[in-house]
Amino acid sequence: MIVLKNVFTKFVGPLVLFLCFSIATISFAEGPSSEQTIPGQPSSAFQNLLDDNGIDFQIPPEGKAILVNIPAFELTTFQDGAPVFRSKVIVGAPWHRTPRVQTFTSAVRFRPTWRPTPSMIASGEYRDRVVPAGPNNPLGLAAVRLQQGMLVYLHDTNHRELFDLDARALSHGCIRVQRWDDLVAWLLDMSLDQVHAHANGSRTFDIPTPPVPVTLGYFTVFPDASGSVVRYPDIYNLGKSAAVAPEIAPSTVTSQFAERVSPTDPFQSCANTG
């Protein structure tokens, strides 16, 4: 018995400890899961698809982002470089173009009121009046405000039937979003039930958003939801050389339309009632 005890002490005990330490070291090195996404990866599969097709659009590798592709009449949301969902949109008509610009979200206004912009009033198309909040408002039941002072919004509409059209360059420059409620819920990390409750409530109010990057871009070649690369009509006749670069800086847009708006003031915007 004494001999066996000495053998265990000298040889078997240390061997067991070595094996346990080795297994623990291997498990720690591998981490909790080999399938976990590593933060800060240089590119996603979708970014690789864009790069492989020469499409000059860089998706932020971390966090949320929004792309409105004007000629595709489509909005795409991204999370950590990958598409989350897409929505049909209505963009500016060729004579009231949606600007190509890099900006960011600042607030969601539920049940907005609406007032025509000075240029819309000066054109004689609209009289200076405030349209009350509700389903008949040109901004619909919610509007996402971009950089402070911009009169271009992402918003609902009182003419949702127009999303059935294939050619949707119809607005005065704002972006009407078919899935406005999904967009608001995603931006605010809020349930759809909460979004609908606020949108169908009795008061007009704002909820600030994080500064989610927004690109109002112009890509006549872009992947669709299936991953197929599609060519879209050049609705503004910009040509390939002008298809990507923003035409104006965000600071220029802001300085042109700078204003102070409280949660009770009407939104002056490029939305229209038609």
C-alpha atoms as a PDB file:
ATOM      1  CA  MET A   1       0.000   0.000   0.000  1.00  0.00           C
ATOM      2  CA  ILE A   2       2.842   2.368   0.834  1.00  0.00           C
ATOM      3  CA  VAL A   3       4.445   1.687  -2.572  1.00  0.00           C
ATOM      4  CA  LEU A   4       1.169   2.402  -4.441  1.00  0.00           C
ATOM      5  CA  LYS A   5       0.685   5.622  -2.496  1.00  0.00           C
ATOM      6  CA  ASN A   6       4.161   6.793  -3.409  1.00  0.00           C
ATOM      7  CA  VAL A   7       3.584   5.996  -7.113  1.00  0.00           C
ATOM      8  CA  PHE A   8       0.341   8.013  -7.145  1.00  0.00           C
ATOM      9  CA  THR A   9       1.950  10.924  -5.381  1.00  0.00           C
ATOM     10  CA  LYS A  10       4.970  11.060  -7.687  1.00  0.00           C
ATOM     11  CA  PHE A  11       3.416  10.271 -11.086  1.00  0.00           C
ATOM     12  CA  VAL A  12      -0.409   9.997 -11.338  1.00  0.00           C
ATOM     13  CA  GLY A  13      -1.310  13.130  -9.352  1.00  0.00           C
ATOM     14  CA  PRO A  14       0.874  15.524 -11.378  1.00  0.00           C
ATOM     15  CA  LEU A  15      -0.333  13.924 -14.632  1.00  0.00           C
ATOM     16  CA  VAL A  16      -3.995  14.565 -13.753  1.00  0.00           C
ATOM     17  CA  LEU A  17      -3.249  18.183 -12.851  1.00  0.00           C
ATOM     18  CA  PHE A  18      -1.384  18.699 -16.138  1.00  0.00           C
ATOM     19  CA  LEU A  19      -4.277  17.311 -18.200  1.00  0.00           C
ATOM     20  CA  CYS A  20      -6.842  19.476 -16.388  1.00  0.00           C
ATOM     21  CA  PHE A  21      -4.734  22.611 -16.881  1.00  0.00           C
ATOM     22  CA  SER A  22      -4.247  21.839 -20.595  1.00  0.00           C
ATOM     23  CA  ILE A  23      -7.985  21.373 -21.211  1.00  0.00           C
ATOM     24  CA  ALA A  24      -8.825  24.588 -19.364  1.00  0.00           C
ATOM     25  CA  THR A  25      -6.203  26.504 -21.354  1.00  0.00           C
ATOM     26  CA  ILE A  26      -7.562  25.231 -24.688  1.00  0.00           C
ATOM     27  CA  SER A  27     -11.164  26.119 -23.730  1.00  0.00           C
ATOM     28  CA  PHE A  28     -10.131  29.611 -22.626  1.00  0.00           C
ATOM     29  CA  ALA A  29      -8.194  30.222 -25.849  1.00  0.00           C
ATOM     30  CA  GLU A  30     -11.154  29.196 -28.020  1.00  0.00           C
ATOM     31  CA  GLY A  31     -13.557  31.444 -26.109  1.00  0.00           C
ATOM     32  CA  PRO A  32     -17.276  30.852 -25.534  1.00  0.00           C
ATOM     33  CA  SER A  33     -18.094  30.188 -29.198  1.00  0.00           C
ATOM     34  CA  SER A  34     -16.084  30.024 -32.393  1.00  0.00           C
ATOM     35  CA  GLU A  35     -19.163  31.354 -34.276  1.00  0.00           C
ATOM     36  CA  GLN A  36     -19.346  34.660 -32.416  1.00  0.00           C
ATOM     37  CA  THR A  37     -18.938  37.828 -34.503  1.00  0.00           C
ATOM     38  CA  ILE A  38     -15.773  39.682 -33.621  1.00  0.00           C
ATOM     39  CA  PRO A  39     -16.458  43.417 -33.062  1.00  0.00           C
ATOM     40  CA  GLY A  40     -14.673  45.668 -35.500  1.00  0.00           C
ATOM     41  CA  GLN A  41     -14.362  43.150 -38.332  1.00  0.00           C
ATOM     42  CA  PRO A  42     -13.062  44.985 -41.424  1.00  0.00           C
ATOM     43  CA  SER A  43     -15.972  44.056 -43.682  1.00  0.00           C
ATOM     44  CA  SER A  44     -19.222  42.133 -43.828  1.00  0.00           C
ATOM     45  CA  ALA A  45     -20.395  39.763 -46.557  1.00  0.00           C
ATOM     46  CA  PHE A  46     -22.610  42.547 -47.907  1.00  0.00           C
ATOM     47  CA  GLN A  47     -19.698  45.005 -47.951  1.00  0.00           C
ATOM     48  CA  ASN A  48     -17.662  42.421 -49.857  1.00  0.00           C
ATOM     49  CA  LEU A  49     -20.498  42.159 -52.376  1.00  0.00           C
ATOM     50  CA  LEU A  50     -20.445  45.928 -52.862  1.00  0.00           C
ATOM     51  CA  ASP A  51     -16.665  45.980 -53.205  1.00  0.00           C
ATOM     52  CA  ASP A  52     -16.641  43.091 -55.687  1.00  0.00           C
ATOM     53  CA  ASN A  53     -19.045  45.000 -57.923  1.00  0.00           C
ATOM     54  CA  GLY A  54     -17.255  48.338 -57.699  1.00  0.00           C
ATOM     55  CA  ILE A  55     -20.059  50.005 -55.704  1.00  0.00           C
ATOM     56  CA  ASP A  56     -18.503  52.867 -53.743  1.00  0.00           C
ATOM     57  CA  PHE A  57     -20.504  52.703 -50.533  1.00  0.00           C
ATOM     58  CA  GLN A  58     -18.924  51.935 -47.163  1.00  0.00           C
ATOM     59  CA  ILE A  59     -21.210  50.550 -44.477  1.00  0.00           C
ATOM     60  CA  PRO A  60     -20.171  51.343 -40.897  1.00  0.00           C
ATOM     61  CA  PRO A  61     -18.846  48.020 -39.527  1.00  0.00           C
ATOM     62  CA  GLU A  62     -20.377  48.661 -36.102  1.00  0.00           C
ATOM     63  CA  GLY A  63     -23.713  50.088 -34.996  1.00  0.00           C
ATOM     64  CA  LYS A  64     -26.748  51.165 -36.960  1.00  0.00           C
ATOM     65  CA  ALA A  65     -26.863  52.941 -40.326  1.00  0.00           C
ATOM     66  CA  ILE A  66     -29.448  53.884 -42.961  1.00  0.00           C
ATOM     67  CA  LEU A  67     -29.128  54.101 -46.732  1.00  0.00           C
ATOM     68  CA  VAL A  68     -31.764  55.647 -48.981  1.00  0.00           C
ATOM     69  CA  ASN A  69     -30.909  54.649 -52.547  1.00  0.00           C
ATOM     70  CA  ILE A  70     -32.774  57.264 -54.548  1.00  0.00           C
ATOM     71  CA  PRO A  71     -32.990  55.576 -57.995  1.00  0.00           C
ATOM     72  CA  ALA A  72     -33.963  52.239 -56.402  1.00  0.00           C
ATOM     73  CA  PHE A  73     -36.799  53.897 -54.418  1.00  0.00           C
ATOM     74  CA  GLU A  74     -35.569  51.925 -51.426  1.00  0.00           C
ATOM     75  CA  LEU A  75     -34.405  52.385 -47.847  1.00  0.00           C
ATOM     76  CA  THR A  76     -32.110  49.818 -46.223  1.00  0.00           C
ATOM     77  CA  THR A  77     -31.204  49.628 -42.546  1.00  0.00           C
ATOM     78  CA  PHE A  78     -27.906  48.117 -41.395  1.00  0.00           C
ATOM     79  CA  GLN A  79     -26.648  46.741 -38.109  1.00  0.00           C
ATOM     80  CA  ASP A  80     -22.928  45.979 -37.692  1.00  0.00           C
ATOM     81  CA  GLY A  81     -22.430  46.058 -41.462  1.00  0.00           C
ATOM     82  CA  ALA A  82     -25.271  43.684 -42.397  1.00  0.00           C
ATOM     83  CA  PRO A  83     -28.711  44.578 -43.846  1.00  0.00           C
ATOM     84  CA  VAL A  84     -31.590  44.359 -41.355  1.00  0.00           C
ATOM     85  CA  PHE A  85     -34.660  45.255 -43.424  1.00  0.00           C
ATOM     86  CA  ARG A  86     -35.648  47.185 -46.537  1.00  0.00           C
ATOM     87  CA  SER A  87     -38.589  49.419 -47.333  1.00  0.00           C
ATOM     88  CA  LYS A  88     -40.085  50.996 -50.410  1.00  0.00           C
ATOM     89  CA  VAL A  89     -39.766  54.764 -50.427  1.00  0.00           C
ATOM     90  CA  ILE A  90     -41.043  57.725 -52.418  1.00  0.00           C
ATOM     91  CA  VAL A  91     -38.353  60.271 -53.322  1.00  0.00           C
ATOM     92  CA  GLY A  92     -38.220  63.716 -54.887  1.00  0.00           C
ATOM     93  CA  ALA A  93     -39.458  64.242 -58.421  1.00  0.00           C
ATOM     94  CA  PRO A  94     -36.793  65.176 -61.025  1.00  0.00           C
ATOM     95  CA  TRP A  95     -37.790  68.852 -60.636  1.00  0.00           C
ATOM     96  CA  HIS A  96     -37.773  68.568 -56.787  1.00  0.00           C
ATOM     97  CA  ARG A  97     -34.815  66.276 -56.267  1.00  0.00           C
ATOM     98  CA  THR A  98     -33.993  64.544 -53.011  1.00  0.00           C
ATOM     99  CA  PRO A  99     -30.501  65.832 -52.119  1.00  0.00           C
ATOM    100  CA  ARG A 100     -27.516  63.477 -52.081  1.00  0.00           C
ATOM    101  CA  VAL A 101     -25.991  63.986 -48.682  1.00  0.00           C
ATOM    102  CA  GLN A 102     -24.469  62.333 -45.620  1.00  0.00           C
ATOM    103  CA  THR A 103     -26.344  63.191 -42.432  1.00  0.00           C
ATOM    104  CA  PHE A 104     -27.725  61.548 -39.273  1.00  0.00           C
ATOM    105  CA  THR A 105     -30.949  61.078 -37.330  1.00  0.00           C
ATOM    106  CA  SER A 106     -31.747  63.391 -34.428  1.00  0.00           C
ATOM    107  CA  ALA A 107     -35.362  62.803 -33.325  1.00  0.00           C
ATOM    108  CA  VAL A 108     -38.656  61.107 -34.087  1.00  0.00           C
ATOM    109  CA  ARG A 109     -41.745  63.287 -33.991  1.00  0.00           C
ATOM    110  CA  PHE A 110     -44.988  61.436 -33.373  1.00  0.00           C
ATOM    111  CA  ARG A 111     -48.166  62.947 -34.835  1.00  0.00           C
ATOM    112  CA  PRO A 112     -46.426  65.864 -36.593  1.00  0.00           C
ATOM    113  CA  THR A 113     -48.224  68.911 -37.896  1.00  0.00           C
ATOM    114  CA  TRP A 114     -47.082  70.255 -41.260  1.00  0.00           C
ATOM    115  CA  ARG A 115     -46.497  73.622 -42.878  1.00  0.00           C
ATOM    116  CA  PRO A 116     -45.258  74.208 -46.457  1.00  0.00           C
ATOM    117  CA  THR A 117     -41.699  75.491 -46.870  1.00  0.00           C
ATOM    118  CA  PRO A 118     -41.148  79.117 -47.958  1.00  0.00           C
ATOM    119  CA  SER A 119     -40.182  77.945 -51.443  1.00  0.00           C
ATOM    120  CA  MET A 120     -43.354  75.884 -51.764  1.00  0.00           C
ATOM    121  CA  ILE A 121     -45.439  78.899 -50.721  1.00  0.00           C
ATOM    122  CA  ALA A 122     -43.518  81.219 -53.070  1.00  0.00           C
ATOM    123  CA  SER A 123     -44.172  78.879 -55.995  1.00  0.00           C
ATOM    124  CA  GLY A 124     -47.896  79.396 -55.581  1.00  0.00           C
ATOM    125  CA  GLU A 125     -48.552  75.655 -55.234  1.00  0.00           C
ATOM    126  CA  TYR A 126     -49.405  75.914 -51.546  1.00  0.00           C
ATOM    127  CA  ARG A 127     -50.803  78.541 -49.251  1.00  0.00           C
ATOM    128  CA  ASP A 128     -49.192  79.218 -45.884  1.00  0.00           C
ATOM    129  CA  ARG A 129     -51.186  77.109 -43.451  1.00  0.00           C
ATOM    130  CA  VAL A 130     -50.674  74.515 -40.751  1.00  0.00           C
ATOM    131  CA  VAL A 131     -52.099  71.060 -41.383  1.00  0.00           C
ATOM    132  CA  PRO A 132     -53.114  69.449 -38.075  1.00  0.00           C
ATOM    133  CA  ALA A 133     -51.735  66.129 -36.872  1.00  0.00           C
ATOM    134  CA  GLY A 134     -53.454  62.922 -37.854  1.00  0.00           C
ATOM    135  CA  PRO A 135     -53.818  60.423 -40.696  1.00  0.00           C
ATOM    136  CA  ASN A 136     -54.563  63.173 -43.242  1.00  0.00           C
ATOM    137  CA  ASN A 137     -51.310  65.016 -42.517  1.00  0.00           C
ATOM    138  CA  PRO A 138     -48.770  64.893 -45.416  1.00  0.00           C
ATOM    139  CA  LEU A 139     -46.133  63.617 -42.955  1.00  0.00           C
ATOM    140  CA  GLY A 140     -48.442  60.863 -41.775  1.00  0.00           C
ATOM    141  CA  LEU A 141     -48.262  59.716 -38.174  1.00  0.00           C
ATOM    142  CA  ALA A 142     -44.496  60.008 -37.586  1.00  0.00           C
ATOM    143  CA  ALA A 143     -41.442  61.719 -39.047  1.00  0.00           C
ATOM    144  CA  VAL A 144     -37.743  61.067 -38.473  1.00  0.00           C
ATOM    145  CA  ARG A 145     -35.856  64.315 -38.235  1.00  0.00           C
ATOM    146  CA  LEU A 146     -32.319  64.405 -39.603  1.00  0.00           C
ATOM    147  CA  GLN A 147     -29.566  66.916 -38.882  1.00  0.00           C
ATOM    148  CA  GLN A 148     -30.896  70.000 -37.113  1.00  0.00           C
ATOM    149  CA  GLY A 149     -32.292  72.495 -39.598  1.00  0.00           C
ATOM    150  CA  MET A 150     -32.742  70.128 -42.541  1.00  0.00           C
ATOM    151  CA  LEU A 151     -36.179  70.277 -44.106  1.00  0.00           C
ATOM    152  CA  VAL A 152     -35.833  66.779 -45.533  1.00  0.00           C
ATOM    153  CA  TYR A 153     -37.312  64.011 -43.385  1.00  0.00           C
ATOM    154  CA  LEU A 154     -37.959  60.269 -43.435  1.00  0.00           C
ATOM    155  CA  HIS A 155     -41.672  60.041 -42.804  1.00  0.00           C
ATOM    156  CA  ASP A 156     -45.030  58.329 -43.121  1.00  0.00           C
ATOM    157  CA  THR A 157     -47.558  59.672 -45.636  1.00  0.00           C
ATOM    158  CA  ASN A 158     -51.267  60.257 -46.079  1.00  0.00           C
ATOM    159  CA  HIS A 159     -51.082  58.608 -49.537  1.00  0.00           C
ATOM    160  CA  ARG A 160     -49.812  55.108 -48.835  1.00  0.00           C
ATOM    161  CA  GLU A 161     -51.419  53.806 -52.017  1.00  0.00           C
ATOM    162  CA  LEU A 162     -48.590  55.422 -54.011  1.00  0.00           C
ATOM    163  CA  PHE A 163     -46.178  52.747 -52.795  1.00  0.00           C
ATOM    164  CA  ASP A 164     -47.909  50.404 -55.239  1.00  0.00           C
ATOM    165  CA  LEU A 165     -46.365  52.339 -58.140  1.00  0.00           C
ATOM    166  CA  ASP A 166     -43.094  51.175 -59.675  1.00  0.00           C
ATOM    167  CA  ALA A 167     -41.823  54.699 -60.418  1.00  0.00           C
ATOM    168  CA  ARG A 168     -41.948  56.631 -57.154  1.00  0.00           C
ATOM    169  CA  ALA A 169     -40.139  59.936 -57.769  1.00  0.00           C
ATOM    170  CA  LEU A 170     -43.132  61.982 -56.647  1.00  0.00           C
ATOM    171  CA  SER A 171     -42.312  64.166 -53.618  1.00  0.00           C
ATOM    172  CA  HIS A 172     -40.849  67.648 -53.167  1.00  0.00           C
ATOM    173  CA  GLY A 173     -37.632  66.052 -51.896  1.00  0.00           C
ATOM    174  CA  CYS A 174     -38.588  64.333 -48.635  1.00  0.00           C
ATOM    175  CA  ILE A 175     -38.493  60.550 -48.326  1.00  0.00           C
ATOM    176  CA  ARG A 176     -41.786  58.847 -47.626  1.00  0.00           C
ATOM    177  CA  VAL A 177     -41.189  55.434 -46.061  1.00  0.00           C
ATOM    178  CA  GLN A 178     -43.645  52.577 -46.442  1.00  0.00           C
ATOM    179  CA  ARG A 179     -42.345  50.748 -43.364  1.00  0.00           C
ATOM    180  CA  TRP A 180     -42.154  53.929 -41.281  1.00  0.00           C
ATOM    181  CA  ASP A 181     -43.292  52.122 -38.139  1.00  0.00           C
ATOM    182  CA  ASP A 182     -40.576  49.456 -38.441  1.00  0.00           C
ATOM    183  CA  LEU A 183     -38.025  52.218 -39.009  1.00  0.00           C
ATOM    184  CA  VAL A 184     -39.117  54.141 -35.905  1.00  0.00           C
ATOM    185  CA  ALA A 185     -39.225  50.995 -33.757  1.00  0.00           C
ATOM    186  CA  TRP A 186     -35.720  50.034 -34.903  1.00  0.00           C
ATOM    187  CA  LEU A 187     -34.300  53.519 -34.331  1.00  0.00           C
ATOM    188  CA  LEU A 188     -35.759  53.865 -30.844  1.00  0.00           C
ATOM    189  CA  ASP A 189     -35.418  50.201 -29.771  1.00  0.00           C
ATOM    190  CA  MET A 190     -39.154  50.304 -29.170  1.00  0.00           C
ATOM    191  CA  SER A 191     -41.860  47.708 -29.812  1.00  0.00           C
ATOM    192  CA  LEU A 192     -44.244  48.163 -32.736  1.00  0.00           C
ATOM    193  CA  ASP A 193     -47.136  48.231 -30.274  1.00  0.00           C
ATOM    194  CA  GLN A 194     -45.555  51.237 -28.524  1.00  0.00           C
ATOM    195  CA  VAL A 195     -44.911  52.973 -31.845  1.00  0.00           C
ATOM    196  CA  HIS A 196     -48.524  52.519 -32.923  1.00  0.00           C
ATOM    197  CA  ALA A 197     -49.809  53.663 -29.528  1.00  0.00           C
ATOM    198  CA  HIS A 198     -47.800  56.904 -29.782  1.00  0.00           C
ATOM    199  CA  ALA A 199     -48.707  57.420 -33.449  1.00  0.00           C
ATOM    200  CA  ASN A 200     -52.414  56.978 -32.784  1.00  0.00           C
ATOM    201  CA  GLY A 201     -52.424  58.905 -29.522  1.00  0.00           C
ATOM    202  CA  SER A 202     -53.619  62.424 -28.852  1.00  0.00           C
ATOM    203  CA  ARG A 203     -50.431  64.491 -28.581  1.00  0.00           C
ATOM    204  CA  THR A 204     -47.524  65.671 -30.709  1.00  0.00           C
ATOM    205  CA  PHE A 205     -44.100  65.083 -29.165  1.00  0.00           C
ATOM    206  CA  ASP A 206     -40.475  64.263 -29.964  1.00  0.00           C
ATOM    207  CA  ILE A 207     -38.220  61.427 -28.821  1.00  0.00           C
ATOM    208  CA  PRO A 208     -34.499  61.982 -29.449  1.00  0.00           C
ATOM    209  CA  THR A 209     -32.621  59.301 -31.374  1.00  0.00           C
ATOM    210  CA  PRO A 210     -28.967  58.357 -31.318  1.00  0.00           C
ATOM    211  CA  PRO A 211     -27.078  60.004 -34.221  1.00  0.00           C
ATOM    212  CA  VAL A 212     -27.526  57.091 -36.625  1.00  0.00           C
ATOM    213  CA  PRO A 213     -25.661  57.784 -39.907  1.00  0.00           C
ATOM    214  CA  VAL A 214     -27.938  58.349 -42.902  1.00  0.00           C
ATOM    215  CA  THR A 215     -26.792  58.330 -46.515  1.00  0.00           C
ATOM    216  CA  LEU A 216     -29.130  59.800 -49.113  1.00  0.00           C
ATOM    217  CA  GLY A 217     -27.287  58.165 -51.972  1.00  0.00           C
ATOM    218  CA  TYR A 218     -27.634  57.660 -55.693  1.00  0.00           C
ATOM    219  CA  PHE A 219     -26.559  54.197 -56.836  1.00  0.00           C
ATOM    220  CA  THR A 220     -27.878  53.063 -60.210  1.00  0.00           C
ATOM    221  CA  VAL A 221     -26.221  49.679 -59.625  1.00  0.00           C
ATOM    222  CA  PHE A 222     -26.928  48.020 -56.280  1.00  0.00           C
ATOM    223  CA  PRO A 223     -27.765  44.569 -54.832  1.00  0.00           C
ATOM    224  CA  ASP A 224     -31.422  43.809 -54.250  1.00  0.00           C
ATOM    225  CA  ALA A 225     -32.804  41.874 -51.289  1.00  0.00           C
ATOM    226  CA  SER A 226     -31.855  38.536 -52.896  1.00  0.00           C
ATOM    227  CA  GLY A 227     -28.237  39.613 -53.393  1.00  0.00           C
ATOM    228  CA  SER A 228     -28.585  40.012 -57.151  1.00  0.00           C
ATOM    229  CA  VAL A 229     -26.915  43.129 -58.513  1.00  0.00           C
ATOM    230  CA  VAL A 230     -29.567  45.224 -60.276  1.00  0.00           C
ATOM    231  CA  ARG A 231     -29.292  48.240 -62.567  1.00  0.00           C
ATOM    232  CA  TYR A 232     -31.811  51.020 -61.852  1.00  0.00           C
ATOM    233  CA  PRO A 233     -32.949  53.885 -64.116  1.00  0.00           C
ATOM    234  CA  ASP A 234     -30.973  57.132 -63.820  1.00  0.00           C
ATOM    235  CA  ILE A 235     -34.066  59.097 -62.788  1.00  0.00           C
ATOM    236  CA  TYR A 236     -32.201  62.398 -62.323  1.00  0.00           C
ATOM    237  CA  ASN A 237     -30.026  61.960 -65.446  1.00  0.00           C
ATOM    238  CA  LEU A 238     -26.871  62.344 -63.377  1.00  0.00           C
ATOM    239  CA  GLY A 239     -24.726  59.874 -65.311  1.00  0.00           C
ATOM    240  CA  LYS A 240     -22.220  57.474 -63.800  1.00  0.00           C
ATOM    241  CA  SER A 241     -19.746  60.175 -62.803  1.00  0.00           C
ATOM    242  CA  ALA A 242     -22.276  61.815 -60.470  1.00  0.00           C
ATOM    243  CA  ALA A 243     -23.926  58.676 -59.152  1.00  0.00           C
ATOM    244  CA  VAL A 244     -22.110  58.441 -55.815  1.00  0.00           C
ATOM    245  CA  ALA A 245     -20.632  61.718 -54.571  1.00  0.00           C
ATOM    246  CA  PRO A 246     -22.873  63.921 -52.407  1.00  0.00           C
ATOM    247  CA  GLU A 247     -23.900  67.065 -54.277  1.00  0.00           C
ATOM    248  CA  ILE A 248     -23.954  69.231 -51.126  1.00  0.00           C
ATOM    249  CA  ALA A 249     -22.427  69.023 -47.670  1.00  0.00           C
ATOM    250  CA  PRO A 250     -24.719  68.560 -44.644  1.00  0.00           C
ATOM    251  CA  SER A 251     -23.572  71.906 -43.229  1.00  0.00           C
ATOM    252  CA  THR A 252     -24.793  73.624 -46.398  1.00  0.00           C
ATOM    253  CA  VAL A 253     -28.203  71.997 -46.153  1.00  0.00           C
ATOM    254  CA  THR A 254     -28.433  72.976 -42.505  1.00  0.00           C
ATOM    255  CA  SER A 255     -27.401  76.592 -43.044  1.00  0.00           C
ATOM    256  CA  GLN A 256     -29.874  76.981 -45.894  1.00  0.00           C
ATOM    257  CA  PHE A 257     -32.812  75.864 -43.771  1.00  0.00           C
ATOM    258  CA  ALA A 258     -31.672  76.640 -40.223  1.00  0.00           C
ATOM    259  CA  GLU A 259     -34.569  76.948 -37.787  1.00  0.00           C
ATOM    260  CA  ARG A 260     -35.484  76.302 -34.190  1.00  0.00           C
ATOM    261  CA  VAL A 261     -38.417  73.943 -33.794  1.00  0.00           C
ATOM    262  CA  SER A 262     -40.103  73.024 -30.550  1.00  0.00           C
ATOM    263  CA  PRO A 263     -42.175  69.828 -30.183  1.00  0.00           C
ATOM    264  CA  THR A 264     -45.316  71.882 -30.771  1.00  0.00           C
ATOM    265  CA  ASP A 265     -44.134  73.810 -33.844  1.00  0.00           C
ATOM    266  CA  PRO A 266     -45.267  72.561 -37.271  1.00  0.00           C
ATOM    267  CA  PHE A 267     -42.692  70.791 -39.410  1.00  0.00           C
ATOM    268  CA  GLN A 268     -41.843  72.864 -42.458  1.00  0.00           C
ATOM    269  CA  SER A 269     -40.791  70.282 -44.972  1.00  0.00           C
ATOM    270  CA  CYS A 270     -40.623  69.268 -48.587  1.00  0.00           C
ATOM    271  CA  ALA A 271     -43.479  66.808 -48.152  1.00  0.00           C
ATOM    272  CA  ASN A 272     -46.491  67.490 -50.303  1.00  0.00           C
ATOM    273  CA  THR A 273     -50.136  66.615 -50.135  1.00  0.00           C
ATOM    274  CA  GLY A 274     -50.341  64.915 -53.520  1.00  0.00           C
END
